[in-house]
Amino acid sequence: MILADTSVLIDLLRGEIEAEKLEEHGEIATCFPVQCELYKGTKMARNTQEGEKQVKKLLERLGELKSGPGAAKKFSELRQKYGDLNEFDLMIAGICLTNDAELITQDEDFEKIEELNCKKIVD
């Protein structure tokens, strides 16, 4: 399973990445922290209702990786080791690691997490 980071999904919504480019990587999923970041972005946008509709439509098409006690424990371990990174990023990484998922991202911060299998989407 491949987890798409918020940065990739935002680029997809903006039309900066083609859906086919994502599908080349396999079955794409999301997770709760990514969903939170996407909806947070709609609140910062001018056309909130339209943004929320686009996010909802996108999320309905994607799988979802579950979090739970294992992901929470992994997050706390990553937080100790990589305290300078954003907490949402560490939650996403913890969910990837406990689900044995690869992360596709545009965010270079994930490359700092040695345990994480991640790829950047190249234009």
PDB file of N, CA and C in Angstrom:
ATOM      1  N   MET A   1       0.853  -1.180   0.000  1.00  0.00           N
ATOM      2  CA  MET A   1       0.000   0.000   0.000  1.00  0.00           C
ATOM      3  C   MET A   1       0.894   1.237   0.000  1.00  0.00           C
ATOM      4  N   ILE A   2       0.423   2.268  -0.675  1.00  0.00           N
ATOM      5  CA  ILE A   2       1.136   3.545  -0.763  1.00  0.00           C
ATOM      6  C   ILE A   2       0.299   4.608  -0.060  1.00  0.00           C
ATOM      7  N   LEU A   3       0.907   5.335   0.841  1.00  0.00           N
ATOM      8  CA  LEU A   3       0.223   6.459   1.480  1.00  0.00           C
ATOM      9  C   LEU A   3       0.666   7.743   0.796  1.00  0.00           C
ATOM     10  N   ALA A   4      -0.293   8.530   0.346  1.00  0.00           N
ATOM     11  CA  ALA A   4       0.001   9.814  -0.276  1.00  0.00           C
ATOM     12  C   ALA A   4      -0.028  10.888   0.794  1.00  0.00           C
ATOM     13  N   ASP A   5       1.060  11.607   0.915  1.00  0.00           N
ATOM     14  CA  ASP A   5       1.163  12.708   1.864  1.00  0.00           C
ATOM     15  C   ASP A   5       0.304  13.891   1.403  1.00  0.00           C
ATOM     16  N   THR A   6       0.014  14.755   2.330  1.00  0.00           N
ATOM     17  CA  THR A   6      -0.788  15.951   2.059  1.00  0.00           C
ATOM     18  C   THR A   6      -0.229  16.756   0.898  1.00  0.00           C
ATOM     19  N   SER A   7       1.078  16.911   0.840  1.00  0.00           N
ATOM     20  CA  SER A   7       1.695  17.716  -0.220  1.00  0.00           C
ATOM     21  C   SER A   7       1.374  17.172  -1.604  1.00  0.00           C
ATOM     22  N   VAL A   8       1.328  15.861  -1.740  1.00  0.00           N
ATOM     23  CA  VAL A   8       1.015  15.229  -3.021  1.00  0.00           C
ATOM     24  C   VAL A   8      -0.460  15.425  -3.361  1.00  0.00           C
ATOM     25  N   LEU A   9      -1.323  15.246  -2.365  1.00  0.00           N
ATOM     26  CA  LEU A   9      -2.758  15.373  -2.623  1.00  0.00           C
ATOM     27  C   LEU A   9      -3.156  16.815  -2.928  1.00  0.00           C
ATOM     28  N   ILE A  10      -2.495  17.766  -2.295  1.00  0.00           N
ATOM     29  CA  ILE A  10      -2.753  19.177  -2.621  1.00  0.00           C
ATOM     30  C   ILE A  10      -2.350  19.456  -4.064  1.00  0.00           C
ATOM     31  N   ASP A  11      -1.190  18.953  -4.467  1.00  0.00           N
ATOM     32  CA  ASP A  11      -0.760  19.132  -5.860  1.00  0.00           C
ATOM     33  C   ASP A  11      -1.724  18.459  -6.826  1.00  0.00           C
ATOM     34  N   LEU A  12      -2.273  17.319  -6.428  1.00  0.00           N
ATOM     35  CA  LEU A  12      -3.268  16.635  -7.258  1.00  0.00           C
ATOM     36  C   LEU A  12      -4.529  17.491  -7.395  1.00  0.00           C
ATOM     37  N   LEU A  13      -5.007  18.034  -6.283  1.00  0.00           N
ATOM     38  CA  LEU A  13      -6.204  18.880  -6.310  1.00  0.00           C
ATOM     39  C   LEU A  13      -5.986  20.138  -7.147  1.00  0.00           C
ATOM     40  N   ARG A  14      -4.790  20.657  -7.129  1.00  0.00           N
ATOM     41  CA  ARG A  14      -4.464  21.862  -7.903  1.00  0.00           C
ATOM     42  C   ARG A  14      -4.199  21.564  -9.380  1.00  0.00           C
ATOM     43  N   GLY A  15      -4.150  20.295  -9.724  1.00  0.00           N
ATOM     44  CA  GLY A  15      -3.874  19.909 -11.109  1.00  0.00           C
ATOM     45  C   GLY A  15      -2.401  19.921 -11.459  1.00  0.00           C
ATOM     46  N   GLU A  16      -1.537  19.987 -10.459  1.00  0.00           N
ATOM     47  CA  GLU A  16      -0.092  20.014 -10.686  1.00  0.00           C
ATOM     48  C   GLU A  16       0.506  18.619 -10.820  1.00  0.00           C
ATOM     49  N   ILE A  17      -0.251  17.592 -10.419  1.00  0.00           N
ATOM     50  CA  ILE A  17       0.133  16.195 -10.578  1.00  0.00           C
ATOM     51  C   ILE A  17      -1.053  15.485 -11.219  1.00  0.00           C
ATOM     52  N   GLU A  18      -0.771  14.641 -12.190  1.00  0.00           N
ATOM     53  CA  GLU A  18      -1.819  13.844 -12.835  1.00  0.00           C
ATOM     54  C   GLU A  18      -2.144  12.619 -11.972  1.00  0.00           C
ATOM     55  N   ALA A  19      -3.407  12.261 -11.898  1.00  0.00           N
ATOM     56  CA  ALA A  19      -3.819  11.084 -11.129  1.00  0.00           C
ATOM     57  C   ALA A  19      -3.102   9.831 -11.617  1.00  0.00           C
ATOM     58  N   GLU A  20      -2.879   9.755 -12.925  1.00  0.00           N
ATOM     59  CA  GLU A  20      -2.198   8.588 -13.496  1.00  0.00           C
ATOM     60  C   GLU A  20      -0.789   8.438 -12.934  1.00  0.00           C
ATOM     61  N   LYS A  21      -0.136   9.564 -12.659  1.00  0.00           N
ATOM     62  CA  LYS A  21       1.222   9.532 -12.104  1.00  0.00           C
ATOM     63  C   LYS A  21       1.208   8.880 -10.716  1.00  0.00           C
ATOM     64  N   LEU A  22       0.168   9.156  -9.943  1.00  0.00           N
ATOM     65  CA  LEU A  22       0.043   8.530  -8.624  1.00  0.00           C
ATOM     66  C   LEU A  22      -0.267   7.049  -8.750  1.00  0.00           C
ATOM     67  N   GLU A  23      -1.152   6.718  -9.671  1.00  0.00           N
ATOM     68  CA  GLU A  23      -1.578   5.334  -9.833  1.00  0.00           C
ATOM     69  C   GLU A  23      -0.436   4.427 -10.286  1.00  0.00           C
ATOM     70  N   GLU A  24       0.613   5.002 -10.863  1.00  0.00           N
ATOM     71  CA  GLU A  24       1.791   4.220 -11.251  1.00  0.00           C
ATOM     72  C   GLU A  24       2.444   3.559 -10.036  1.00  0.00           C
ATOM     73  N   HIS A  25       2.236   4.152  -8.869  1.00  0.00           N
ATOM     74  CA  HIS A  25       2.868   3.656  -7.643  1.00  0.00           C
ATOM     75  C   HIS A  25       2.091   2.513  -6.998  1.00  0.00           C
ATOM     76  N   GLY A  26       0.855   2.293  -7.410  1.00  0.00           N
ATOM     77  CA  GLY A  26       0.027   1.240  -6.818  1.00  0.00           C
ATOM     78  C   GLY A  26      -1.209   1.826  -6.173  1.00  0.00           C
ATOM     79  N   GLU A  27      -1.821   1.028  -5.289  1.00  0.00           N
ATOM     80  CA  GLU A  27      -3.038   1.461  -4.609  1.00  0.00           C
ATOM     81  C   GLU A  27      -2.708   2.581  -3.624  1.00  0.00           C
ATOM     82  N   ILE A  28      -3.398   3.690  -3.772  1.00  0.00           N
ATOM     83  CA  ILE A  28      -3.108   4.885  -2.973  1.00  0.00           C
ATOM     84  C   ILE A  28      -4.075   4.990  -1.798  1.00  0.00           C
ATOM     85  N   ALA A  29      -3.528   5.312  -0.648  1.00  0.00           N
ATOM     86  CA  ALA A  29      -4.329   5.494   0.566  1.00  0.00           C
ATOM     87  C   ALA A  29      -3.979   6.824   1.216  1.00  0.00           C
ATOM     88  N   THR A  30      -4.762   7.167   2.199  1.00  0.00           N
ATOM     89  CA  THR A  30      -4.544   8.345   3.023  1.00  0.00           C
ATOM     90  C   THR A  30      -4.664   7.906   4.481  1.00  0.00           C
ATOM     91  N   CYS A  31      -4.599   8.843   5.400  1.00  0.00           N
ATOM     92  CA  CYS A  31      -4.766   8.536   6.818  1.00  0.00           C
ATOM     93  C   CYS A  31      -5.325   9.767   7.524  1.00  0.00           C
ATOM     94  N   PHE A  32      -5.707   9.592   8.776  1.00  0.00           N
ATOM     95  CA  PHE A  32      -6.362  10.660   9.529  1.00  0.00           C
ATOM     96  C   PHE A  32      -5.572  11.966   9.555  1.00  0.00           C
ATOM     97  N   PRO A  33      -4.269  11.966   9.867  1.00  0.00           N
ATOM     98  CA  PRO A  33      -3.547  13.250   9.886  1.00  0.00           C
ATOM     99  C   PRO A  33      -3.537  13.952   8.522  1.00  0.00           C
ATOM    100  N   VAL A  34      -3.438  13.198   7.438  1.00  0.00           N
ATOM    101  CA  VAL A  34      -3.475  13.795   6.096  1.00  0.00           C
ATOM    102  C   VAL A  34      -4.847  14.415   5.862  1.00  0.00           C
ATOM    103  N   GLN A  35      -5.893  13.697   6.247  1.00  0.00           N
ATOM    104  CA  GLN A  35      -7.249  14.216   6.093  1.00  0.00           C
ATOM    105  C   GLN A  35      -7.421  15.519   6.872  1.00  0.00           C
ATOM    106  N   CYS A  36      -6.888  15.552   8.084  1.00  0.00           N
ATOM    107  CA  CYS A  36      -6.963  16.781   8.904  1.00  0.00           C
ATOM    108  C   CYS A  36      -6.274  17.944   8.204  1.00  0.00           C
ATOM    109  N   GLU A  37      -5.080  17.689   7.672  1.00  0.00           N
ATOM    110  CA  GLU A  37      -4.344  18.757   6.992  1.00  0.00           C
ATOM    111  C   GLU A  37      -5.076  19.241   5.749  1.00  0.00           C
ATOM    112  N   LEU A  38      -5.712  18.336   5.014  1.00  0.00           N
ATOM    113  CA  LEU A  38      -6.454  18.738   3.817  1.00  0.00           C
ATOM    114  C   LEU A  38      -7.648  19.630   4.188  1.00  0.00           C
ATOM    115  N   TYR A  39      -8.411  19.222   5.191  1.00  0.00           N
ATOM    116  CA  TYR A  39      -9.559  20.041   5.596  1.00  0.00           C
ATOM    117  C   TYR A  39      -9.118  21.359   6.220  1.00  0.00           C
ATOM    118  N   LYS A  40      -8.009  21.345   6.934  1.00  0.00           N
ATOM    119  CA  LYS A  40      -7.460  22.588   7.475  1.00  0.00           C
ATOM    120  C   LYS A  40      -7.153  23.556   6.331  1.00  0.00           C
ATOM    121  N   GLY A  41      -6.610  23.021   5.235  1.00  0.00           N
ATOM    122  CA  GLY A  41      -6.302  23.837   4.061  1.00  0.00           C
ATOM    123  C   GLY A  41      -7.536  24.473   3.460  1.00  0.00           C
ATOM    124  N   THR A  42      -8.669  23.762   3.505  1.00  0.00           N
ATOM    125  CA  THR A  42      -9.899  24.350   2.946  1.00  0.00           C
ATOM    126  C   THR A  42     -10.362  25.527   3.775  1.00  0.00           C
ATOM    127  N   LYS A  43     -10.078  25.514   5.062  1.00  0.00           N
ATOM    128  CA  LYS A  43     -10.470  26.631   5.933  1.00  0.00           C
ATOM    129  C   LYS A  43      -9.613  27.865   5.660  1.00  0.00           C
ATOM    130  N   MET A  44      -8.410  27.645   5.133  1.00  0.00           N
ATOM    131  CA  MET A  44      -7.519  28.759   4.828  1.00  0.00           C
ATOM    132  C   MET A  44      -7.768  29.305   3.426  1.00  0.00           C
ATOM    133  N   ALA A  45      -8.485  28.528   2.607  1.00  0.00           N
ATOM    134  CA  ALA A  45      -8.762  28.947   1.225  1.00  0.00           C
ATOM    135  C   ALA A  45      -9.954  29.894   1.192  1.00  0.00           C
ATOM    136  N   ARG A  46     -10.060  30.630   0.122  1.00  0.00           N
ATOM    137  CA  ARG A  46     -11.163  31.588  -0.010  1.00  0.00           C
ATOM    138  C   ARG A  46     -12.502  30.910  -0.258  1.00  0.00           C
ATOM    139  N   ASN A  47     -12.515  29.857  -1.056  1.00  0.00           N
ATOM    140  CA  ASN A  47     -13.756  29.186  -1.409  1.00  0.00           C
ATOM    141  C   ASN A  47     -13.864  27.891  -0.605  1.00  0.00           C
ATOM    142  N   THR A  48     -14.144  28.009   0.685  1.00  0.00           N
ATOM    143  CA  THR A  48     -14.113  26.883   1.606  1.00  0.00           C
ATOM    144  C   THR A  48     -15.066  25.769   1.204  1.00  0.00           C
ATOM    145  N   GLN A  49     -16.294  26.087   0.853  1.00  0.00           N
ATOM    146  CA  GLN A  49     -17.267  25.044   0.522  1.00  0.00           C
ATOM    147  C   GLN A  49     -16.833  24.240  -0.698  1.00  0.00           C
ATOM    148  N   GLU A  50     -16.352  24.901  -1.730  1.00  0.00           N
ATOM    149  CA  GLU A  50     -15.894  24.192  -2.919  1.00  0.00           C
ATOM    150  C   GLU A  50     -14.675  23.333  -2.588  1.00  0.00           C
ATOM    151  N   GLY A  51     -13.764  23.874  -1.788  1.00  0.00           N
ATOM    152  CA  GLY A  51     -12.584  23.109  -1.376  1.00  0.00           C
ATOM    153  C   GLY A  51     -12.961  21.876  -0.587  1.00  0.00           C
ATOM    154  N   GLU A  52     -13.922  22.016   0.318  1.00  0.00           N
ATOM    155  CA  GLU A  52     -14.373  20.869   1.106  1.00  0.00           C
ATOM    156  C   GLU A  52     -14.997  19.804   0.212  1.00  0.00           C
ATOM    157  N   LYS A  53     -15.746  20.218  -0.801  1.00  0.00           N
ATOM    158  CA  LYS A  53     -16.344  19.261  -1.739  1.00  0.00           C
ATOM    159  C   LYS A  53     -15.257  18.500  -2.502  1.00  0.00           C
ATOM    160  N   GLN A  54     -14.225  19.232  -2.942  1.00  0.00           N
ATOM    161  CA  GLN A  54     -13.135  18.590  -3.679  1.00  0.00           C
ATOM    162  C   GLN A  54     -12.381  17.601  -2.796  1.00  0.00           C
ATOM    163  N   VAL A  55     -12.121  17.992  -1.559  1.00  0.00           N
ATOM    164  CA  VAL A  55     -11.412  17.105  -0.630  1.00  0.00           C
ATOM    165  C   VAL A  55     -12.255  15.866  -0.345  1.00  0.00           C
ATOM    166  N   LYS A  56     -13.533  16.055  -0.075  1.00  0.00           N
ATOM    167  CA  LYS A  56     -14.429  14.920   0.207  1.00  0.00           C
ATOM    168  C   LYS A  56     -14.457  13.951  -0.975  1.00  0.00           C
ATOM    169  N   LYS A  57     -14.577  14.473  -2.173  1.00  0.00           N
ATOM    170  CA  LYS A  57     -14.618  13.635  -3.375  1.00  0.00           C
ATOM    171  C   LYS A  57     -13.310  12.851  -3.535  1.00  0.00           C
ATOM    172  N   LEU A  58     -12.194  13.515  -3.309  1.00  0.00           N
ATOM    173  CA  LEU A  58     -10.893  12.852  -3.404  1.00  0.00           C
ATOM    174  C   LEU A  58     -10.768  11.743  -2.366  1.00  0.00           C
ATOM    175  N   LEU A  59     -11.112  12.037  -1.113  1.00  0.00           N
ATOM    176  CA  LEU A  59     -10.960  11.060  -0.043  1.00  0.00           C
ATOM    177  C   LEU A  59     -11.850   9.844  -0.247  1.00  0.00           C
ATOM    178  N   GLU A  60     -12.994  10.031  -0.888  1.00  0.00           N
ATOM    179  CA  GLU A  60     -13.894   8.907  -1.160  1.00  0.00           C
ATOM    180  C   GLU A  60     -13.270   7.919  -2.145  1.00  0.00           C
ATOM    181  N   ARG A  61     -12.327   8.386  -2.953  1.00  0.00           N
ATOM    182  CA  ARG A  61     -11.694   7.545  -3.969  1.00  0.00           C
ATOM    183  C   ARG A  61     -10.455   6.815  -3.436  1.00  0.00           C
ATOM    184  N   LEU A  62      -9.976   7.200  -2.281  1.00  0.00           N
ATOM    185  CA  LEU A  62      -8.733   6.639  -1.746  1.00  0.00           C
ATOM    186  C   LEU A  62      -9.004   5.643  -0.629  1.00  0.00           C
ATOM    187  N   GLY A  63      -8.077   4.712  -0.467  1.00  0.00           N
ATOM    188  CA  GLY A  63      -8.119   3.833   0.685  1.00  0.00           C
ATOM    189  C   GLY A  63      -7.701   4.615   1.926  1.00  0.00           C
ATOM    190  N   GLU A  64      -7.825   3.990   3.070  1.00  0.00           N
ATOM    191  CA  GLU A  64      -7.432   4.657   4.313  1.00  0.00           C
ATOM    192  C   GLU A  64      -6.641   3.698   5.193  1.00  0.00           C
ATOM    193  N   LEU A  65      -5.449   4.134   5.583  1.00  0.00           N
ATOM    194  CA  LEU A  65      -4.659   3.372   6.539  1.00  0.00           C
ATOM    195  C   LEU A  65      -5.130   3.740   7.938  1.00  0.00           C
ATOM    196  N   LYS A  66      -5.352   2.737   8.737  1.00  0.00           N
ATOM    197  CA  LYS A  66      -5.850   2.963  10.093  1.00  0.00           C
ATOM    198  C   LYS A  66      -4.696   3.244  11.051  1.00  0.00           C
ATOM    199  N   SER A  67      -5.020   4.027  12.029  1.00  0.00           N
ATOM    200  CA  SER A  67      -4.071   4.248  13.121  1.00  0.00           C
ATOM    201  C   SER A  67      -4.612   3.500  14.333  1.00  0.00           C
ATOM    202  N   GLY A  68      -3.852   3.457  15.355  1.00  0.00           N
ATOM    203  CA  GLY A  68      -4.260   2.753  16.566  1.00  0.00           C
ATOM    204  C   GLY A  68      -3.121   2.803  17.563  1.00  0.00           C
ATOM    205  N   PRO A  69      -3.170   1.970  18.573  1.00  0.00           N
ATOM    206  CA  PRO A  69      -2.125   1.984  19.599  1.00  0.00           C
ATOM    207  C   PRO A  69      -0.716   1.777  19.050  1.00  0.00           C
ATOM    208  N   GLY A  70      -0.566   0.916  18.052  1.00  0.00           N
ATOM    209  CA  GLY A  70       0.760   0.691  17.465  1.00  0.00           C
ATOM    210  C   GLY A  70       1.306   1.931  16.791  1.00  0.00           C
ATOM    211  N   ALA A  71       0.443   2.620  16.045  1.00  0.00           N
ATOM    212  CA  ALA A  71       0.855   3.856  15.373  1.00  0.00           C
ATOM    213  C   ALA A  71       1.139   4.950  16.399  1.00  0.00           C
ATOM    214  N   ALA A  72       0.349   4.995  17.467  1.00  0.00           N
ATOM    215  CA  ALA A  72       0.574   5.990  18.520  1.00  0.00           C
ATOM    216  C   ALA A  72       1.926   5.761  19.202  1.00  0.00           C
ATOM    217  N   LYS A  73       2.243   4.496  19.460  1.00  0.00           N
ATOM    218  CA  LYS A  73       3.534   4.168  20.077  1.00  0.00           C
ATOM    219  C   LYS A  73       4.676   4.542  19.131  1.00  0.00           C
ATOM    220  N   LYS A  74       4.520   4.209  17.845  1.00  0.00           N
ATOM    221  CA  LYS A  74       5.561   4.531  16.869  1.00  0.00           C
ATOM    222  C   LYS A  74       5.734   6.038  16.768  1.00  0.00           C
ATOM    223  N   PHE A  75       4.630   6.802  16.778  1.00  0.00           N
ATOM    224  CA  PHE A  75       4.705   8.259  16.777  1.00  0.00           C
ATOM    225  C   PHE A  75       5.545   8.753  17.951  1.00  0.00           C
ATOM    226  N   SER A  76       5.289   8.220  19.150  1.00  0.00           N
ATOM    227  CA  SER A  76       6.027   8.697  20.330  1.00  0.00           C
ATOM    228  C   SER A  76       7.518   8.390  20.207  1.00  0.00           C
ATOM    229  N   GLU A  77       7.859   7.239  19.614  1.00  0.00           N
ATOM    230  CA  GLU A  77       9.266   6.897  19.394  1.00  0.00           C
ATOM    231  C   GLU A  77       9.903   7.860  18.383  1.00  0.00           C
ATOM    232  N   LEU A  78       9.178   8.133  17.298  1.00  0.00           N
ATOM    233  CA  LEU A  78       9.684   9.063  16.285  1.00  0.00           C
ATOM    234  C   LEU A  78       9.809  10.472  16.853  1.00  0.00           C
ATOM    235  N   ARG A  79       8.878  10.852  17.698  1.00  0.00           N
ATOM    236  CA  ARG A  79       8.901  12.193  18.316  1.00  0.00           C
ATOM    237  C   ARG A  79      10.161  12.364  19.154  1.00  0.00           C
ATOM    238  N   GLN A  80      10.540  11.301  19.860  1.00  0.00           N
ATOM    239  CA  GLN A  80      11.761  11.353  20.662  1.00  0.00           C
ATOM    240  C   GLN A  80      12.991  11.487  19.783  1.00  0.00           C
ATOM    241  N   LYS A  81      13.007  10.745  18.693  1.00  0.00           N
ATOM    242  CA  LYS A  81      14.177  10.700  17.823  1.00  0.00           C
ATOM    243  C   LYS A  81      14.269  11.903  16.880  1.00  0.00           C
ATOM    244  N   TYR A  82      13.114  12.390  16.412  1.00  0.00           N
ATOM    245  CA  TYR A  82      13.072  13.470  15.415  1.00  0.00           C
ATOM    246  C   TYR A  82      12.224  14.630  15.934  1.00  0.00           C
ATOM    247  N   GLY A  83      12.558  15.107  17.113  1.00  0.00           N
ATOM    248  CA  GLY A  83      11.772  16.144  17.780  1.00  0.00           C
ATOM    249  C   GLY A  83      11.633  17.447  17.020  1.00  0.00           C
ATOM    250  N   ASP A  84      12.495  17.695  16.048  1.00  0.00           N
ATOM    251  CA  ASP A  84      12.434  18.945  15.293  1.00  0.00           C
ATOM    252  C   ASP A  84      11.411  18.902  14.151  1.00  0.00           C
ATOM    253  N   LEU A  85      10.847  17.722  13.877  1.00  0.00           N
ATOM    254  CA  LEU A  85       9.893  17.591  12.774  1.00  0.00           C
ATOM    255  C   LEU A  85       8.466  17.875  13.237  1.00  0.00           C
ATOM    256  N   ASN A  86       7.636  18.255  12.295  1.00  0.00           N
ATOM    257  CA  ASN A  86       6.227  18.551  12.531  1.00  0.00           C
ATOM    258  C   ASN A  86       5.516  17.316  13.087  1.00  0.00           C
ATOM    259  N   GLU A  87       4.663  17.512  14.087  1.00  0.00           N
ATOM    260  CA  GLU A  87       3.981  16.378  14.707  1.00  0.00           C
ATOM    261  C   GLU A  87       3.070  15.632  13.731  1.00  0.00           C
ATOM    262  N   PHE A  88       2.383  16.363  12.848  1.00  0.00           N
ATOM    263  CA  PHE A  88       1.547  15.679  11.857  1.00  0.00           C
ATOM    264  C   PHE A  88       2.405  14.783  10.973  1.00  0.00           C
ATOM    265  N   ASP A  89       3.579  15.253  10.570  1.00  0.00           N
ATOM    266  CA  ASP A  89       4.476  14.440   9.745  1.00  0.00           C
ATOM    267  C   ASP A  89       4.903  13.183  10.498  1.00  0.00           C
ATOM    268  N   LEU A  90       5.172  13.326  11.778  1.00  0.00           N
ATOM    269  CA  LEU A  90       5.568  12.169  12.579  1.00  0.00           C
ATOM    270  C   LEU A  90       4.408  11.189  12.762  1.00  0.00           C
ATOM    271  N   MET A  91       3.186  11.707  12.867  1.00  0.00           N
ATOM    272  CA  MET A  91       2.016  10.824  12.934  1.00  0.00           C
ATOM    273  C   MET A  91       1.865  10.050  11.625  1.00  0.00           C
ATOM    274  N   ILE A  92       2.006  10.753  10.510  1.00  0.00           N
ATOM    275  CA  ILE A  92       1.909  10.121   9.196  1.00  0.00           C
ATOM    276  C   ILE A  92       2.976   9.035   9.063  1.00  0.00           C
ATOM    277  N   ALA A  93       4.192   9.352   9.457  1.00  0.00           N
ATOM    278  CA  ALA A  93       5.288   8.373   9.394  1.00  0.00           C
ATOM    279  C   ALA A  93       4.988   7.165  10.278  1.00  0.00           C
ATOM    280  N   GLY A  94       4.477   7.397  11.478  1.00  0.00           N
ATOM    281  CA  GLY A  94       4.131   6.294  12.379  1.00  0.00           C
ATOM    282  C   GLY A  94       3.071   5.385  11.795  1.00  0.00           C
ATOM    283  N   ILE A  95       2.086   5.966  11.141  1.00  0.00           N
ATOM    284  CA  ILE A  95       1.033   5.176  10.505  1.00  0.00           C
ATOM    285  C   ILE A  95       1.606   4.368   9.342  1.00  0.00           C
ATOM    286  N   CYS A  96       2.468   4.990   8.547  1.00  0.00           N
ATOM    287  CA  CYS A  96       3.120   4.263   7.446  1.00  0.00           C
ATOM    288  C   CYS A  96       3.907   3.077   7.973  1.00  0.00           C
ATOM    289  N   LEU A  97       4.703   3.313   8.989  1.00  0.00           N
ATOM    290  CA  LEU A  97       5.568   2.261   9.510  1.00  0.00           C
ATOM    291  C   LEU A  97       4.774   1.108  10.107  1.00  0.00           C
ATOM    292  N   THR A  98       3.692   1.395  10.821  1.00  0.00           N
ATOM    293  CA  THR A  98       2.916   0.309  11.437  1.00  0.00           C
ATOM    294  C   THR A  98       2.054  -0.429  10.417  1.00  0.00           C
ATOM    295  N   ASN A  99       1.804   0.189   9.270  1.00  0.00           N
ATOM    296  CA  ASN A  99       1.039  -0.468   8.206  1.00  0.00           C
ATOM    297  C   ASN A  99       1.937  -1.003   7.097  1.00  0.00           C
ATOM    298  N   ASP A 100       3.253  -0.913   7.290  1.00  0.00           N
ATOM    299  CA  ASP A 100       4.232  -1.345   6.294  1.00  0.00           C
ATOM    300  C   ASP A 100       3.926  -0.736   4.928  1.00  0.00           C
ATOM    301  N   ALA A 101       3.680   0.573   4.940  1.00  0.00           N
ATOM    302  CA  ALA A 101       3.318   1.302   3.720  1.00  0.00           C
ATOM    303  C   ALA A 101       4.457   2.220   3.296  1.00  0.00           C
ATOM    304  N   GLU A 102       4.527   2.441   2.001  1.00  0.00           N
ATOM    305  CA  GLU A 102       5.476   3.401   1.450  1.00  0.00           C
ATOM    306  C   GLU A 102       4.788   4.765   1.394  1.00  0.00           C
ATOM    307  N   LEU A 103       5.542   5.818   1.607  1.00  0.00           N
ATOM    308  CA  LEU A 103       5.006   7.171   1.552  1.00  0.00           C
ATOM    309  C   LEU A 103       5.465   7.855   0.276  1.00  0.00           C
ATOM    310  N   ILE A 104       4.529   8.481  -0.439  1.00  0.00           N
ATOM    311  CA  ILE A 104       4.906   9.348  -1.550  1.00  0.00           C
ATOM    312  C   ILE A 104       4.611  10.774  -1.112  1.00  0.00           C
ATOM    313  N   THR A 105       5.554  11.657  -1.377  1.00  0.00           N
ATOM    314  CA  THR A 105       5.505  13.001  -0.805  1.00  0.00           C
ATOM    315  C   THR A 105       6.217  14.002  -1.700  1.00  0.00           C
ATOM    316  N   GLN A 106       5.987  15.246  -1.426  1.00  0.00           N
ATOM    317  CA  GLN A 106       6.750  16.348  -2.000  1.00  0.00           C
ATOM    318  C   GLN A 106       7.560  17.035  -0.891  1.00  0.00           C
ATOM    319  N   ASP A 107       7.408  16.570   0.328  1.00  0.00           N
ATOM    320  CA  ASP A 107       7.975  17.189   1.520  1.00  0.00           C
ATOM    321  C   ASP A 107       9.320  16.554   1.866  1.00  0.00           C
ATOM    322  N   GLU A 108      10.381  17.319   1.795  1.00  0.00           N
ATOM    323  CA  GLU A 108      11.731  16.811   2.061  1.00  0.00           C
ATOM    324  C   GLU A 108      11.951  16.406   3.519  1.00  0.00           C
ATOM    325  N   ASP A 109      11.137  16.915   4.443  1.00  0.00           N
ATOM    326  CA  ASP A 109      11.321  16.573   5.848  1.00  0.00           C
ATOM    327  C   ASP A 109      11.220  15.073   6.101  1.00  0.00           C
ATOM    328  N   PHE A 110      10.388  14.372   5.339  1.00  0.00           N
ATOM    329  CA  PHE A 110      10.229  12.929   5.543  1.00  0.00           C
ATOM    330  C   PHE A 110      11.518  12.170   5.263  1.00  0.00           C
ATOM    331  N   GLU A 111      12.379  12.719   4.421  1.00  0.00           N
ATOM    332  CA  GLU A 111      13.639  12.052   4.107  1.00  0.00           C
ATOM    333  C   GLU A 111      14.550  11.942   5.333  1.00  0.00           C
ATOM    334  N   LYS A 112      14.306  12.750   6.339  1.00  0.00           N
ATOM    335  CA  LYS A 112      15.100  12.711   7.572  1.00  0.00           C
ATOM    336  C   LYS A 112      14.783  11.486   8.422  1.00  0.00           C
ATOM    337  N   ILE A 113      13.630  10.878   8.197  1.00  0.00           N
ATOM    338  CA  ILE A 113      13.200   9.733   9.000  1.00  0.00           C
ATOM    339  C   ILE A 113      13.777   8.468   8.366  1.00  0.00           C
ATOM    340  N   GLU A 114      14.865   7.999   8.945  1.00  0.00           N
ATOM    341  CA  GLU A 114      15.632   6.894   8.380  1.00  0.00           C
ATOM    342  C   GLU A 114      14.812   5.624   8.198  1.00  0.00           C
ATOM    343  N   GLU A 115      13.902   5.340   9.119  1.00  0.00           N
ATOM    344  CA  GLU A 115      13.135   4.106   9.105  1.00  0.00           C
ATOM    345  C   GLU A 115      12.074   4.076   8.012  1.00  0.00           C
ATOM    346  N   LEU A 116      11.735   5.230   7.492  1.00  0.00           N
ATOM    347  CA  LEU A 116      10.598   5.392   6.591  1.00  0.00           C
ATOM    348  C   LEU A 116      10.977   5.122   5.140  1.00  0.00           C
ATOM    349  N   ASN A 117      10.169   4.353   4.459  1.00  0.00           N
ATOM    350  CA  ASN A 117      10.335   4.116   3.028  1.00  0.00           C
ATOM    351  C   ASN A 117       9.508   5.172   2.304  1.00  0.00           C
ATOM    352  N   CYS A 118      10.182   6.169   1.739  1.00  0.00           N
ATOM    353  CA  CYS A 118       9.443   7.237   1.063  1.00  0.00           C
ATOM    354  C   CYS A 118      10.083   7.591  -0.262  1.00  0.00           C
ATOM    355  N   LYS A 119       9.229   8.085  -1.147  1.00  0.00           N
ATOM    356  CA  LYS A 119       9.654   8.548  -2.466  1.00  0.00           C
ATOM    357  C   LYS A 119       9.074   9.925  -2.688  1.00  0.00           C
ATOM    358  N   LYS A 120       9.836  10.736  -3.372  1.00  0.00           N
ATOM    359  CA  LYS A 120       9.311  12.024  -3.825  1.00  0.00           C
ATOM    360  C   LYS A 120       8.731  11.853  -5.213  1.00  0.00           C
ATOM    361  N   ILE A 121       7.643  12.534  -5.469  1.00  0.00           N
ATOM    362  CA  ILE A 121       7.065  12.543  -6.808  1.00  0.00           C
ATOM    363  C   ILE A 121       7.873  13.527  -7.631  1.00  0.00           C
ATOM    364  N   VAL A 122       8.388  13.063  -8.740  1.00  0.00           N
ATOM    365  CA  VAL A 122       9.186  13.915  -9.612  1.00  0.00           C
ATOM    366  C   VAL A 122       8.316  14.354 -10.772  1.00  0.00           C
ATOM    367  N   ASP A 123       8.343  15.657 -11.046  1.00  0.00           N
ATOM    368  CA  ASP A 123       7.533  16.195 -12.157  1.00  0.00           C
ATOM    369  C   ASP A 123       8.091  15.765 -13.491  1.00  0.00           C
TER     370      ASP A 123
END
